[in-house]
Amino acid sequence: MKRKQNFKVWQNGYHAEKVYSNKFIRQKVNYIHNNPVIEKLVAKPEDYMFSSARNYAELDSEIDIIPLLLF
């Protein structure tokens, strides 16, 4: 039995794509980093406390990542 959903976090569907270039990776990372800006949660990607954009901006972050050397 499927539960009734009132809210969604992710878009419908899952479409895996091969990573084929640094440009493609950069595009996807920028898309993820800009989601809080698009939703008007923050003014800049690095302002969102739970974003790896803070790591790329060399700010304190709640998450630990290994930044990609693409930018």
N, C-alpha and C. Protein backbone atom coordinates (compact mmCIF):
# COMPACT_ATOMS: atom_id res chain seq x y z
N MET A 1 0.83 -1.18 0.00
CA MET A 1 0.00 0.00 0.00
C MET A 1 0.88 1.25 0.00
N LYS A 2 0.63 2.14 -0.90
CA LYS A 2 1.42 3.37 -1.02
C LYS A 2 0.85 4.45 -0.11
N ARG A 3 1.76 5.13 0.62
CA ARG A 3 1.33 6.21 1.51
C ARG A 3 1.05 7.47 0.71
N LYS A 4 0.13 8.27 1.22
CA LYS A 4 -0.16 9.56 0.61
C LYS A 4 1.00 10.51 0.91
N GLN A 5 1.50 11.18 -0.12
CA GLN A 5 2.60 12.13 0.05
C GLN A 5 2.09 13.55 -0.07
N ASN A 6 2.44 14.37 0.91
CA ASN A 6 2.08 15.78 0.84
C ASN A 6 3.23 16.64 0.36
N PHE A 7 4.46 16.16 0.58
CA PHE A 7 5.64 16.93 0.24
C PHE A 7 6.65 16.04 -0.47
N LYS A 8 7.46 16.64 -1.33
CA LYS A 8 8.50 15.90 -2.03
C LYS A 8 9.82 16.62 -1.87
N VAL A 9 10.88 15.85 -1.76
CA VAL A 9 12.22 16.40 -1.71
C VAL A 9 12.85 16.34 -3.09
N TRP A 10 12.64 15.24 -3.80
CA TRP A 10 13.28 15.02 -5.09
C TRP A 10 12.26 15.10 -6.21
N GLN A 11 12.75 15.36 -7.40
CA GLN A 11 11.90 15.34 -8.59
C GLN A 11 11.55 13.90 -8.93
N ASN A 12 10.48 13.71 -9.69
CA ASN A 12 10.12 12.37 -10.15
C ASN A 12 11.19 11.81 -11.07
N GLY A 13 11.37 10.53 -10.97
CA GLY A 13 12.26 9.85 -11.90
C GLY A 13 13.71 9.85 -11.47
N TYR A 14 14.44 8.92 -12.01
CA TYR A 14 15.86 8.80 -11.77
C TYR A 14 16.49 8.48 -13.11
N HIS A 15 17.35 9.34 -13.55
CA HIS A 15 17.95 9.16 -14.86
C HIS A 15 19.47 9.26 -14.72
N ALA A 16 20.10 8.13 -14.53
CA ALA A 16 21.56 8.11 -14.37
C ALA A 16 22.22 8.58 -15.66
N GLU A 17 23.29 9.33 -15.48
CA GLU A 17 24.06 9.81 -16.63
C GLU A 17 25.53 9.58 -16.36
N LYS A 18 26.26 9.22 -17.40
CA LYS A 18 27.69 9.05 -17.27
C LYS A 18 28.36 10.41 -17.18
N VAL A 19 29.37 10.48 -16.32
CA VAL A 19 30.17 11.70 -16.22
C VAL A 19 31.21 11.61 -17.33
N TYR A 20 31.15 12.52 -18.27
CA TYR A 20 32.02 12.42 -19.44
C TYR A 20 32.99 13.58 -19.61
N SER A 21 32.87 14.61 -18.75
CA SER A 21 33.80 15.73 -18.88
C SER A 21 33.80 16.57 -17.60
N ASN A 22 34.85 17.36 -17.42
CA ASN A 22 34.89 18.28 -16.29
C ASN A 22 33.78 19.32 -16.40
N LYS A 23 33.47 19.73 -17.62
CA LYS A 23 32.40 20.70 -17.83
C LYS A 23 31.07 20.15 -17.32
N PHE A 24 30.81 18.88 -17.58
CA PHE A 24 29.58 18.22 -17.13
C PHE A 24 29.53 18.16 -15.61
N ILE A 25 30.63 17.80 -14.98
CA ILE A 25 30.69 17.74 -13.51
C ILE A 25 30.46 19.14 -12.93
N ARG A 26 31.13 20.13 -13.49
CA ARG A 26 30.98 21.51 -13.04
C ARG A 26 29.52 21.95 -13.11
N GLN A 27 28.86 21.60 -14.22
CA GLN A 27 27.45 21.95 -14.40
C GLN A 27 26.59 21.34 -13.30
N LYS A 28 26.81 20.08 -12.98
CA LYS A 28 26.01 19.39 -11.96
C LYS A 28 26.30 19.94 -10.56
N VAL A 29 27.56 20.19 -10.25
CA VAL A 29 27.92 20.75 -8.95
C VAL A 29 27.31 22.15 -8.80
N ASN A 30 27.39 22.97 -9.84
CA ASN A 30 26.79 24.30 -9.79
C ASN A 30 25.27 24.23 -9.62
N TYR A 31 24.64 23.28 -10.29
CA TYR A 31 23.19 23.08 -10.15
C TYR A 31 22.83 22.78 -8.70
N ILE A 32 23.56 21.86 -8.10
CA ILE A 32 23.31 21.48 -6.70
C ILE A 32 23.57 22.67 -5.77
N HIS A 33 24.67 23.35 -5.98
CA HIS A 33 25.02 24.48 -5.12
C HIS A 33 23.99 25.62 -5.23
N ASN A 34 23.40 25.80 -6.39
CA ASN A 34 22.47 26.91 -6.60
C ASN A 34 21.03 26.61 -6.20
N ASN A 35 20.72 25.37 -5.86
CA ASN A 35 19.35 25.05 -5.44
C ASN A 35 18.86 25.90 -4.28
N PRO A 36 19.63 26.10 -3.20
CA PRO A 36 19.13 26.95 -2.10
C PRO A 36 18.93 28.41 -2.52
N VAL A 37 19.70 28.87 -3.50
CA VAL A 37 19.55 30.24 -4.00
C VAL A 37 18.25 30.34 -4.80
N ILE A 38 18.01 29.38 -5.65
CA ILE A 38 16.79 29.37 -6.47
C ILE A 38 15.54 29.32 -5.59
N GLU A 39 15.64 28.56 -4.48
CA GLU A 39 14.51 28.46 -3.55
C GLU A 39 14.42 29.64 -2.58
N LYS A 40 15.33 30.63 -2.78
CA LYS A 40 15.36 31.86 -1.97
C LYS A 40 15.60 31.59 -0.49
N LEU A 41 16.38 30.55 -0.21
CA LEU A 41 16.78 30.27 1.17
C LEU A 41 17.98 31.11 1.56
N VAL A 42 18.83 31.42 0.58
CA VAL A 42 20.04 32.21 0.80
C VAL A 42 20.29 33.08 -0.42
N ALA A 43 21.18 34.06 -0.25
CA ALA A 43 21.52 34.95 -1.37
C ALA A 43 22.61 34.36 -2.25
N LYS A 44 23.55 33.63 -1.64
CA LYS A 44 24.68 33.03 -2.38
C LYS A 44 24.79 31.56 -1.96
N PRO A 45 25.25 30.68 -2.87
CA PRO A 45 25.36 29.26 -2.53
C PRO A 45 26.16 29.00 -1.26
N GLU A 46 27.24 29.75 -1.05
CA GLU A 46 28.08 29.50 0.12
C GLU A 46 27.44 29.99 1.42
N ASP A 47 26.31 30.69 1.34
CA ASP A 47 25.58 31.11 2.55
C ASP A 47 24.78 29.96 3.16
N TYR A 48 24.52 28.91 2.39
CA TYR A 48 23.74 27.77 2.89
C TYR A 48 24.66 26.87 3.71
N MET A 49 24.41 26.77 5.00
CA MET A 49 25.30 26.11 5.93
C MET A 49 25.57 24.64 5.58
N PHE A 50 24.63 23.96 4.97
CA PHE A 50 24.77 22.53 4.70
C PHE A 50 25.11 22.25 3.24
N SER A 51 25.85 23.17 2.62
CA SER A 51 26.24 23.01 1.22
C SER A 51 27.74 22.87 1.09
N SER A 52 28.17 22.04 0.17
CA SER A 52 29.60 21.92 -0.11
C SER A 52 30.13 23.18 -0.79
N ALA A 53 29.25 24.08 -1.20
CA ALA A 53 29.69 25.36 -1.76
C ALA A 53 30.55 26.11 -0.74
N ARG A 54 30.28 25.91 0.54
CA ARG A 54 31.08 26.54 1.60
C ARG A 54 32.51 26.02 1.56
N ASN A 55 32.68 24.74 1.28
CA ASN A 55 34.02 24.17 1.18
C ASN A 55 34.79 24.79 0.02
N TYR A 56 34.11 24.94 -1.11
CA TYR A 56 34.75 25.52 -2.29
C TYR A 56 35.11 26.99 -2.06
N ALA A 57 34.33 27.68 -1.21
CA ALA A 57 34.60 29.08 -0.89
C ALA A 57 35.57 29.20 0.29
N GLU A 58 36.09 28.06 0.75
CA GLU A 58 37.03 27.99 1.88
C GLU A 58 36.47 28.62 3.15
N LEU A 59 35.19 28.31 3.42
CA LEU A 59 34.52 28.75 4.64
C LEU A 59 34.30 27.55 5.56
N ASP A 60 34.03 27.81 6.83
CA ASP A 60 33.69 26.72 7.75
C ASP A 60 32.45 26.03 7.23
N SER A 61 32.42 24.69 7.39
CA SER A 61 31.31 23.92 6.85
C SER A 61 30.90 22.83 7.82
N GLU A 62 29.62 22.48 7.78
CA GLU A 62 29.09 21.39 8.59
C GLU A 62 29.41 20.03 7.99
N ILE A 63 29.84 20.00 6.75
CA ILE A 63 30.15 18.73 6.08
C ILE A 63 31.60 18.72 5.63
N ASP A 64 32.17 17.54 5.58
CA ASP A 64 33.54 17.37 5.09
C ASP A 64 33.49 16.75 3.70
N ILE A 65 34.17 17.40 2.78
CA ILE A 65 34.25 16.87 1.42
C ILE A 65 35.69 16.99 0.93
N ILE A 66 35.94 16.32 -0.15
CA ILE A 66 37.18 16.52 -0.89
C ILE A 66 36.79 17.29 -2.14
N PRO A 67 37.08 18.59 -2.19
CA PRO A 67 36.65 19.38 -3.37
C PRO A 67 37.31 18.87 -4.65
N LEU A 68 36.54 18.89 -5.71
CA LEU A 68 37.05 18.54 -7.03
C LEU A 68 37.87 19.72 -7.55
N LEU A 69 38.94 19.45 -8.24
CA LEU A 69 39.78 20.51 -8.78
C LEU A 69 39.30 20.89 -10.18
N LEU A 70 38.08 21.44 -10.25
CA LEU A 70 37.46 21.75 -11.53
C LEU A 70 37.24 23.22 -11.73
N PHE A 71 37.36 24.00 -10.71
CA PHE A 71 36.93 25.39 -10.79
C PHE A 71 38.09 26.32 -10.94
